[in-house]
């Protein structure tokens, strides 16, 4: 059973992050609007206040006490002085970047048939578009929250991502134009990986690309018998986007099984 709850302390001013802003992160370097900082995945800040000459003077200003003892792998979003991050496995927290004060917390309880990430119940972070935050969950769902309040707007199962079959979403989604793109982990448990795009207004799947080709798809002949059904190819890291070519690039994870390729012999 899926259970969600929200703890709100302060409602924030509604933010409206456009895709043009995400494309032009160089115009507002104080913000971090996508998982890797920009759509090219360069993960480089253009801020210059911290430099080799003064790094020795850094000191702690505040600390956030998370209600989780699991591994943190999330990269927070920074939007106009507010940090949005995930405490494992799937709670979303909005923090004051200046003081560490918690504005609101959205608590998510995965289904009892939750996925089985090989390396801990981690989540790498969020995506934003308009006044909406988007998070994948370890039980194979995609959730949209109102950024100003943490209120859940919709919660949908990502097509094919059945947690009981080893599918789990640990990746931070990528916003491209009017789509939210992500894919499941689970190659260690014999999933058939894919990348899917969703409508930010409803969560409806708009397209899906199978990372392991099935019958009639290019490359299926390299997968013997029905091994393509359990071929792995999960998504562990958020992809990139080239606006000039209008192409998105995603690294694909390990095959299934990892080390014994006999079942894939052509």
C-alpha atoms as a PDB file:
ATOM      1  CA  UNK A   1       0.000   0.000   0.000  1.00  0.00           C
ATOM      2  CA  UNK A   2       1.293   3.431  -0.941  1.00  0.00           C
ATOM      3  CA  UNK A   3       1.186   6.003   1.846  1.00  0.00           C
ATOM      4  CA  UNK A   4       2.163   9.637   1.508  1.00  0.00           C
ATOM      5  CA  UNK A   5       2.160  12.432   4.039  1.00  0.00           C
ATOM      6  CA  UNK A   6       3.238  16.030   4.109  1.00  0.00           C
ATOM      7  CA  UNK A   7       4.516  18.212   6.910  1.00  0.00           C
ATOM      8  CA  UNK A   8       4.320  21.901   6.049  1.00  0.00           C
ATOM      9  CA  UNK A   9       5.738  24.659   8.223  1.00  0.00           C
ATOM     10  CA  UNK A  10       5.949  27.568   5.784  1.00  0.00           C
ATOM     11  CA  UNK A  11       4.568  28.097   2.300  1.00  0.00           C
ATOM     12  CA  UNK A  12       7.059  29.682  -0.056  1.00  0.00           C
ATOM     13  CA  UNK A  13       6.428  32.180  -2.786  1.00  0.00           C
ATOM     14  CA  UNK A  14       5.443  30.229  -5.882  1.00  0.00           C
ATOM     15  CA  UNK A  15       8.428  29.934  -8.209  1.00  0.00           C
ATOM     16  CA  UNK A  16       8.146  29.588 -11.958  1.00  0.00           C
ATOM     17  CA  UNK A  17      11.269  27.979 -13.369  1.00  0.00           C
ATOM     18  CA  UNK A  18      11.134  27.919 -17.160  1.00  0.00           C
ATOM     19  CA  UNK A  19      12.997  25.573 -19.445  1.00  0.00           C
ATOM     20  CA  UNK A  20      14.694  28.639 -20.922  1.00  0.00           C
ATOM     21  CA  UNK A  21      16.184  29.287 -17.473  1.00  0.00           C
ATOM     22  CA  UNK A  22      17.414  25.704 -17.272  1.00  0.00           C
ATOM     23  CA  UNK A  23      19.030  26.142 -20.679  1.00  0.00           C
ATOM     24  CA  UNK A  24      20.655  29.457 -19.710  1.00  0.00           C
ATOM     25  CA  UNK A  25      22.062  28.638 -16.295  1.00  0.00           C
ATOM     26  CA  UNK A  26      24.996  30.934 -17.041  1.00  0.00           C
ATOM     27  CA  UNK A  27      22.607  33.863 -16.640  1.00  0.00           C
ATOM     28  CA  UNK A  28      21.848  33.041 -12.989  1.00  0.00           C
ATOM     29  CA  UNK A  29      24.847  31.196 -11.501  1.00  0.00           C
ATOM     30  CA  UNK A  30      23.494  31.474  -7.934  1.00  0.00           C
ATOM     31  CA  UNK A  31      20.834  28.932  -8.871  1.00  0.00           C
ATOM     32  CA  UNK A  32      21.297  25.184  -9.535  1.00  0.00           C
ATOM     33  CA  UNK A  33      18.260  24.242 -11.588  1.00  0.00           C
ATOM     34  CA  UNK A  34      18.984  20.698 -12.728  1.00  0.00           C
ATOM     35  CA  UNK A  35      20.815  17.669 -11.358  1.00  0.00           C
ATOM     36  CA  UNK A  36      24.141  18.358 -13.076  1.00  0.00           C
ATOM     37  CA  UNK A  37      23.902  22.137 -12.958  1.00  0.00           C
ATOM     38  CA  UNK A  38      23.144  22.472 -16.668  1.00  0.00           C
ATOM     39  CA  UNK A  39      21.691  20.331 -19.432  1.00  0.00           C
ATOM     40  CA  UNK A  40      25.189  19.451 -20.658  1.00  0.00           C
ATOM     41  CA  UNK A  41      26.013  17.710 -17.329  1.00  0.00           C
ATOM     42  CA  UNK A  42      29.140  19.794 -16.758  1.00  0.00           C
ATOM     43  CA  UNK A  43      28.508  20.046 -12.987  1.00  0.00           C
ATOM     44  CA  UNK A  44      30.560  23.245 -12.833  1.00  0.00           C
ATOM     45  CA  UNK A  45      29.565  26.326 -10.844  1.00  0.00           C
ATOM     46  CA  UNK A  46      30.369  29.733 -12.291  1.00  0.00           C
ATOM     47  CA  UNK A  47      30.386  31.348  -8.843  1.00  0.00           C
ATOM     48  CA  UNK A  48      33.707  32.905  -7.884  1.00  0.00           C
ATOM     49  CA  UNK A  49      33.356  33.826  -4.197  1.00  0.00           C
ATOM     50  CA  UNK A  50      35.274  30.701  -3.161  1.00  0.00           C
ATOM     51  CA  UNK A  51      38.768  30.550  -4.628  1.00  0.00           C
ATOM     52  CA  UNK A  52      42.125  28.921  -3.785  1.00  0.00           C
ATOM     53  CA  UNK A  53      43.165  32.053  -1.931  1.00  0.00           C
ATOM     54  CA  UNK A  54      40.267  32.038   0.544  1.00  0.00           C
ATOM     55  CA  UNK A  55      39.139  28.428   0.781  1.00  0.00           C
ATOM     56  CA  UNK A  56      41.024  28.092   4.077  1.00  0.00           C
ATOM     57  CA  UNK A  57      38.600  30.581   5.631  1.00  0.00           C
ATOM     58  CA  UNK A  58      35.469  28.484   5.068  1.00  0.00           C
ATOM     59  CA  UNK A  59      33.584  27.570   8.220  1.00  0.00           C
ATOM     60  CA  UNK A  60      30.346  25.820   9.081  1.00  0.00           C
ATOM     61  CA  UNK A  61      27.278  28.067   9.085  1.00  0.00           C
ATOM     62  CA  UNK A  62      24.528  25.513   9.720  1.00  0.00           C
ATOM     63  CA  UNK A  63      23.804  21.777   9.514  1.00  0.00           C
ATOM     64  CA  UNK A  64      20.638  19.951   8.491  1.00  0.00           C
ATOM     65  CA  UNK A  65      19.732  17.007  10.736  1.00  0.00           C
ATOM     66  CA  UNK A  66      18.128  14.480   8.423  1.00  0.00           C
ATOM     67  CA  UNK A  67      15.577  11.943   9.644  1.00  0.00           C
ATOM     68  CA  UNK A  68      17.368   9.131   7.835  1.00  0.00           C
ATOM     69  CA  UNK A  69      20.387   6.918   8.463  1.00  0.00           C
ATOM     70  CA  UNK A  70      20.633   5.733   4.858  1.00  0.00           C
ATOM     71  CA  UNK A  71      23.109   6.848   2.227  1.00  0.00           C
ATOM     72  CA  UNK A  72      22.840  10.343   0.753  1.00  0.00           C
ATOM     73  CA  UNK A  73      23.557  10.647  -2.978  1.00  0.00           C
ATOM     74  CA  UNK A  74      21.272  13.573  -3.838  1.00  0.00           C
ATOM     75  CA  UNK A  75      22.403  16.834  -5.419  1.00  0.00           C
ATOM     76  CA  UNK A  76      20.122  19.625  -4.092  1.00  0.00           C
ATOM     77  CA  UNK A  77      18.435  22.081  -6.405  1.00  0.00           C
ATOM     78  CA  UNK A  78      19.008  25.733  -5.467  1.00  0.00           C
ATOM     79  CA  UNK A  79      16.273  28.141  -6.536  1.00  0.00           C
ATOM     80  CA  UNK A  80      16.291  31.754  -5.353  1.00  0.00           C
ATOM     81  CA  UNK A  81      17.855  30.901  -2.001  1.00  0.00           C
ATOM     82  CA  UNK A  82      15.821  27.733  -1.338  1.00  0.00           C
ATOM     83  CA  UNK A  83      17.415  24.272  -1.397  1.00  0.00           C
ATOM     84  CA  UNK A  84      15.289  21.294  -2.428  1.00  0.00           C
ATOM     85  CA  UNK A  85      16.735  17.874  -1.664  1.00  0.00           C
ATOM     86  CA  UNK A  86      15.816  14.253  -0.928  1.00  0.00           C
ATOM     87  CA  UNK A  87      16.525  12.427   2.305  1.00  0.00           C
ATOM     88  CA  UNK A  88      16.599   8.677   1.636  1.00  0.00           C
ATOM     89  CA  UNK A  89      14.724   6.936   0.441  1.00  0.00           C
ATOM     90  CA  UNK A  90      12.120   9.387  -0.894  1.00  0.00           C
ATOM     91  CA  UNK A  91      11.339  12.277   1.463  1.00  0.00           C
ATOM     92  CA  UNK A  92      11.621  15.737  -0.121  1.00  0.00           C
ATOM     93  CA  UNK A  93      12.771  18.673   2.011  1.00  0.00           C
ATOM     94  CA  UNK A  94      12.769  22.415   1.279  1.00  0.00           C
ATOM     95  CA  UNK A  95      15.416  24.342   3.225  1.00  0.00           C
ATOM     96  CA  UNK A  96      16.422  27.963   3.647  1.00  0.00           C
ATOM     97  CA  UNK A  97      19.850  28.170   2.030  1.00  0.00           C
ATOM     98  CA  UNK A  98      20.941  30.948   4.384  1.00  0.00           C
ATOM     99  CA  UNK A  99      19.892  29.451   7.716  1.00  0.00           C
ATOM    100  CA  UNK A 100      19.101  25.765   7.151  1.00  0.00           C
ATOM    101  CA  UNK A 101      15.548  26.289   8.384  1.00  0.00           C
ATOM    102  CA  UNK A 102      13.101  23.647   7.100  1.00  0.00           C
ATOM    103  CA  UNK A 103      10.240  25.172   5.151  1.00  0.00           C
ATOM    104  CA  UNK A 104       8.386  21.940   4.447  1.00  0.00           C
ATOM    105  CA  UNK A 105       8.893  18.174   4.295  1.00  0.00           C
ATOM    106  CA  UNK A 106       7.070  15.724   2.049  1.00  0.00           C
ATOM    107  CA  UNK A 107       7.197  12.189   3.425  1.00  0.00           C
ATOM    108  CA  UNK A 108       6.824   9.197   1.135  1.00  0.00           C
ATOM    109  CA  UNK A 109       6.476   5.580   2.196  1.00  0.00           C
ATOM    110  CA  UNK A 110       7.318   3.126  -0.592  1.00  0.00           C
ATOM    111  CA  UNK A 111       5.017   0.223  -1.311  1.00  0.00           C
ATOM    112  CA  UNK A 112       5.709  -2.993   0.570  1.00  0.00           C
ATOM    113  CA  UNK A 113       6.798  -4.544  -2.742  1.00  0.00           C
ATOM    114  CA  UNK A 114       9.445  -1.835  -3.103  1.00  0.00           C
ATOM    115  CA  UNK A 115      12.324  -2.248  -5.516  1.00  0.00           C
ATOM    116  CA  UNK A 116      15.676  -3.622  -4.447  1.00  0.00           C
ATOM    117  CA  UNK A 117      18.458  -1.240  -5.439  1.00  0.00           C
ATOM    118  CA  UNK A 118      21.702  -3.162  -5.356  1.00  0.00           C
ATOM    119  CA  UNK A 119      23.599  -0.528  -3.384  1.00  0.00           C
ATOM    120  CA  UNK A 120      21.172   1.013  -0.913  1.00  0.00           C
ATOM    121  CA  UNK A 121      17.833   2.830  -1.010  1.00  0.00           C
ATOM    122  CA  UNK A 122      19.260   5.980  -2.528  1.00  0.00           C
ATOM    123  CA  UNK A 123      17.816   8.838  -4.529  1.00  0.00           C
ATOM    124  CA  UNK A 124      19.947  11.237  -6.553  1.00  0.00           C
ATOM    125  CA  UNK A 125      17.607  14.193  -6.523  1.00  0.00           C
ATOM    126  CA  UNK A 126      14.863  16.192  -8.171  1.00  0.00           C
ATOM    127  CA  UNK A 127      13.922  18.041 -11.326  1.00  0.00           C
ATOM    128  CA  UNK A 128      11.975  21.311 -11.511  1.00  0.00           C
ATOM    129  CA  UNK A 129       9.737  22.992 -14.077  1.00  0.00           C
ATOM    130  CA  UNK A 130       7.369  25.830 -13.314  1.00  0.00           C
ATOM    131  CA  UNK A 131       6.337  25.504  -9.670  1.00  0.00           C
ATOM    132  CA  UNK A 132       6.645  21.712  -9.736  1.00  0.00           C
ATOM    133  CA  UNK A 133       9.282  19.350  -8.418  1.00  0.00           C
ATOM    134  CA  UNK A 134       9.605  15.821  -9.826  1.00  0.00           C
ATOM    135  CA  UNK A 135      10.985  12.763  -8.020  1.00  0.00           C
ATOM    136  CA  UNK A 136      11.351   9.107  -8.958  1.00  0.00           C
ATOM    137  CA  UNK A 137      10.769   6.581  -6.160  1.00  0.00           C
ATOM    138  CA  UNK A 138      12.356   3.260  -5.278  1.00  0.00           C
ATOM    139  CA  UNK A 139       9.023   1.514  -5.845  1.00  0.00           C
ATOM    140  CA  UNK A 140       8.933   2.640  -9.478  1.00  0.00           C
ATOM    141  CA  UNK A 141       6.773   5.752  -9.403  1.00  0.00           C
ATOM    142  CA  UNK A 142       7.082   9.365 -10.504  1.00  0.00           C
ATOM    143  CA  UNK A 143       5.766  12.053  -8.152  1.00  0.00           C
ATOM    144  CA  UNK A 144       5.093  15.750  -8.764  1.00  0.00           C
ATOM    145  CA  UNK A 145       5.032  18.224  -5.868  1.00  0.00           C
ATOM    146  CA  UNK A 146       4.113  21.883  -5.621  1.00  0.00           C
ATOM    147  CA  UNK A 147       7.457  23.548  -4.922  1.00  0.00           C
ATOM    148  CA  UNK A 148       5.991  26.307  -2.775  1.00  0.00           C
ATOM    149  CA  UNK A 149       4.160  23.992  -0.360  1.00  0.00           C
ATOM    150  CA  UNK A 150       5.316  20.387  -0.920  1.00  0.00           C
ATOM    151  CA  UNK A 151       1.757  19.363  -1.778  1.00  0.00           C
ATOM    152  CA  UNK A 152       1.514  16.240  -3.922  1.00  0.00           C
ATOM    153  CA  UNK A 153       0.023  17.055  -7.325  1.00  0.00           C
ATOM    154  CA  UNK A 154       0.141  13.609  -8.899  1.00  0.00           C
ATOM    155  CA  UNK A 155       1.732  10.212  -8.365  1.00  0.00           C
ATOM    156  CA  UNK A 156       1.939   7.695 -11.219  1.00  0.00           C
ATOM    157  CA  UNK A 157       3.514   4.317 -11.832  1.00  0.00           C
ATOM    158  CA  UNK A 158       6.289   4.553 -14.412  1.00  0.00           C
ATOM    159  CA  UNK A 159       5.347   2.160 -17.208  1.00  0.00           C
ATOM    160  CA  UNK A 160       6.834  -1.256 -16.672  1.00  0.00           C
ATOM    161  CA  UNK A 161       8.596  -0.311 -13.442  1.00  0.00           C
ATOM    162  CA  UNK A 162       7.277  -3.127 -11.255  1.00  0.00           C
ATOM    163  CA  UNK A 163       9.076  -3.037  -7.889  1.00  0.00           C
ATOM    164  CA  UNK A 164       8.427  -6.717  -7.229  1.00  0.00           C
ATOM    165  CA  UNK A 165      10.371  -7.478 -10.434  1.00  0.00           C
ATOM    166  CA  UNK A 166      13.417  -5.487  -9.351  1.00  0.00           C
ATOM    167  CA  UNK A 167      12.590  -2.100 -10.902  1.00  0.00           C
ATOM    168  CA  UNK A 168      13.516   0.931  -8.795  1.00  0.00           C
ATOM    169  CA  UNK A 169      14.020   4.581  -9.706  1.00  0.00           C
ATOM    170  CA  UNK A 170      17.039   6.143  -8.044  1.00  0.00           C
ATOM    171  CA  UNK A 171      17.960   8.657 -10.756  1.00  0.00           C
ATOM    172  CA  UNK A 172      17.104  12.369 -10.704  1.00  0.00           C
ATOM    173  CA  UNK A 173      14.745  13.171 -13.608  1.00  0.00           C
ATOM    174  CA  UNK A 174      15.822  15.443 -16.467  1.00  0.00           C
ATOM    175  CA  UNK A 175      13.497  18.154 -17.788  1.00  0.00           C
ATOM    176  CA  UNK A 176      13.724  18.724 -21.543  1.00  0.00           C
ATOM    177  CA  UNK A 177      11.308  21.298 -22.966  1.00  0.00           C
ATOM    178  CA  UNK A 178       7.868  20.046 -21.879  1.00  0.00           C
ATOM    179  CA  UNK A 179       8.904  16.559 -20.812  1.00  0.00           C
ATOM    180  CA  UNK A 180      10.220  14.878 -17.649  1.00  0.00           C
ATOM    181  CA  UNK A 181      12.626  12.070 -18.568  1.00  0.00           C
ATOM    182  CA  UNK A 182      13.951   9.248 -16.372  1.00  0.00           C
ATOM    183  CA  UNK A 183      14.543   5.505 -16.256  1.00  0.00           C
ATOM    184  CA  UNK A 184      14.700   2.664 -13.718  1.00  0.00           C
ATOM    185  CA  UNK A 185      17.628   0.931 -12.075  1.00  0.00           C
ATOM    186  CA  UNK A 186      17.627  -2.815 -11.497  1.00  0.00           C
ATOM    187  CA  UNK A 187      20.047  -4.424 -13.933  1.00  0.00           C
ATOM    188  CA  UNK A 188      21.363  -6.558 -11.080  1.00  0.00           C
ATOM    189  CA  UNK A 189      17.930  -8.168 -10.776  1.00  0.00           C
ATOM    190  CA  UNK A 190      17.265  -8.820 -14.444  1.00  0.00           C
ATOM    191  CA  UNK A 191      14.984  -5.960 -15.405  1.00  0.00           C
ATOM    192  CA  UNK A 192      14.555  -4.848 -19.006  1.00  0.00           C
ATOM    193  CA  UNK A 193      15.684  -1.231 -18.895  1.00  0.00           C
ATOM    194  CA  UNK A 194      14.089   1.761 -20.570  1.00  0.00           C
ATOM    195  CA  UNK A 195      14.008   5.558 -20.680  1.00  0.00           C
ATOM    196  CA  UNK A 196      10.592   7.231 -20.606  1.00  0.00           C
ATOM    197  CA  UNK A 197       9.303  10.771 -21.029  1.00  0.00           C
ATOM    198  CA  UNK A 198       6.310  12.076 -19.089  1.00  0.00           C
ATOM    199  CA  UNK A 199       3.901  15.004 -19.225  1.00  0.00           C
ATOM    200  CA  UNK A 200       4.790  17.397 -16.355  1.00  0.00           C
ATOM    201  CA  UNK A 201       1.127  18.329 -15.942  1.00  0.00           C
ATOM    202  CA  UNK A 202      -0.209  14.785 -15.466  1.00  0.00           C
ATOM    203  CA  UNK A 203       2.645  12.261 -15.392  1.00  0.00           C
ATOM    204  CA  UNK A 204       1.277  10.523 -18.497  1.00  0.00           C
ATOM    205  CA  UNK A 205       3.918   8.605 -20.444  1.00  0.00           C
ATOM    206  CA  UNK A 206       4.628  10.342 -23.767  1.00  0.00           C
ATOM    207  CA  UNK A 207       7.248   8.000 -25.178  1.00  0.00           C
ATOM    208  CA  UNK A 208       9.512   5.163 -24.120  1.00  0.00           C
ATOM    209  CA  UNK A 209      12.822   3.865 -25.450  1.00  0.00           C
ATOM    210  CA  UNK A 210      13.816   0.302 -24.513  1.00  0.00           C
ATOM    211  CA  UNK A 211      17.504   0.023 -23.691  1.00  0.00           C
ATOM    212  CA  UNK A 212      17.335  -3.728 -24.348  1.00  0.00           C
ATOM    213  CA  UNK A 213      15.843  -4.310 -27.819  1.00  0.00           C
ATOM    214  CA  UNK A 214      12.941  -6.686 -28.197  1.00  0.00           C
ATOM    215  CA  UNK A 215      11.828  -8.593 -31.312  1.00  0.00           C
ATOM    216  CA  UNK A 216      11.618  -6.245 -34.282  1.00  0.00           C
ATOM    217  CA  UNK A 217      13.922  -3.661 -32.676  1.00  0.00           C
ATOM    218  CA  UNK A 218      17.454  -3.027 -33.911  1.00  0.00           C
ATOM    219  CA  UNK A 219      20.001  -5.170 -32.093  1.00  0.00           C
ATOM    220  CA  UNK A 220      17.606  -7.807 -30.771  1.00  0.00           C
ATOM    221  CA  UNK A 221      19.503 -10.456 -32.757  1.00  0.00           C
ATOM    222  CA  UNK A 222      22.404 -10.074 -30.320  1.00  0.00           C
ATOM    223  CA  UNK A 223      20.252 -11.377 -27.469  1.00  0.00           C
ATOM    224  CA  UNK A 224      19.816 -15.138 -27.653  1.00  0.00           C
ATOM    225  CA  UNK A 225      16.421 -16.682 -26.993  1.00  0.00           C
ATOM    226  CA  UNK A 226      14.326 -14.635 -24.596  1.00  0.00           C
ATOM    227  CA  UNK A 227      17.323 -13.183 -22.714  1.00  0.00           C
ATOM    228  CA  UNK A 228      16.285  -9.688 -23.828  1.00  0.00           C
ATOM    229  CA  UNK A 229      13.365  -9.855 -21.398  1.00  0.00           C
ATOM    230  CA  UNK A 230      15.817  -9.847 -18.461  1.00  0.00           C
ATOM    231  CA  UNK A 231      18.746  -8.082 -20.117  1.00  0.00           C
ATOM    232  CA  UNK A 232      19.328  -5.318 -17.565  1.00  0.00           C
ATOM    233  CA  UNK A 233      20.345  -1.981 -19.051  1.00  0.00           C
ATOM    234  CA  UNK A 234      19.124   0.140 -16.145  1.00  0.00           C
ATOM    235  CA  UNK A 235      19.589   3.877 -15.712  1.00  0.00           C
ATOM    236  CA  UNK A 236      21.817   4.966 -12.840  1.00  0.00           C
ATOM    237  CA  UNK A 237      22.763   8.521 -13.757  1.00  0.00           C
ATOM    238  CA  UNK A 238      20.773  11.465 -15.081  1.00  0.00           C
ATOM    239  CA  UNK A 239      21.245  12.095 -18.789  1.00  0.00           C
ATOM    240  CA  UNK A 240      22.277  15.190 -20.735  1.00  0.00           C
ATOM    241  CA  UNK A 241      20.678  17.280 -23.478  1.00  0.00           C
ATOM    242  CA  UNK A 242      22.159  19.041 -26.497  1.00  0.00           C
ATOM    243  CA  UNK A 243      19.783  21.858 -27.499  1.00  0.00           C
ATOM    244  CA  UNK A 244      21.550  22.471 -30.806  1.00  0.00           C
ATOM    245  CA  UNK A 245      21.023  18.877 -31.979  1.00  0.00           C
ATOM    246  CA  UNK A 246      17.853  18.347 -29.929  1.00  0.00           C
ATOM    247  CA  UNK A 247      19.285  15.050 -28.666  1.00  0.00           C
ATOM    248  CA  UNK A 248      19.337  13.592 -25.161  1.00  0.00           C
ATOM    249  CA  UNK A 249      22.148  11.248 -24.050  1.00  0.00           C
ATOM    250  CA  UNK A 250      21.897   8.623 -21.315  1.00  0.00           C
ATOM    251  CA  UNK A 251      24.438   6.166 -19.964  1.00  0.00           C
ATOM    252  CA  UNK A 252      23.047   2.644 -19.686  1.00  0.00           C
ATOM    253  CA  UNK A 253      23.931   0.399 -16.777  1.00  0.00           C
ATOM    254  CA  UNK A 254      25.016  -3.200 -16.472  1.00  0.00           C
ATOM    255  CA  UNK A 255      23.587  -6.168 -18.379  1.00  0.00           C
ATOM    256  CA  UNK A 256      21.765  -8.957 -16.620  1.00  0.00           C
ATOM    257  CA  UNK A 257      23.232 -11.197 -15.452  1.00  0.00           C
ATOM    258  CA  UNK A 258      26.337  -9.138 -14.795  1.00  0.00           C
ATOM    259  CA  UNK A 259      29.109 -11.690 -15.173  1.00  0.00           C
ATOM    260  CA  UNK A 260      27.714 -14.781 -16.888  1.00  0.00           C
ATOM    261  CA  UNK A 261      27.101 -13.894 -20.540  1.00  0.00           C
ATOM    262  CA  UNK A 262      26.179 -17.443 -21.608  1.00  0.00           C
ATOM    263  CA  UNK A 263      22.474 -16.609 -21.836  1.00  0.00           C
ATOM    264  CA  UNK A 264      23.271 -13.780 -24.236  1.00  0.00           C
ATOM    265  CA  UNK A 265      25.369 -15.863 -26.614  1.00  0.00           C
ATOM    266  CA  UNK A 266      24.261 -15.302 -30.207  1.00  0.00           C
END
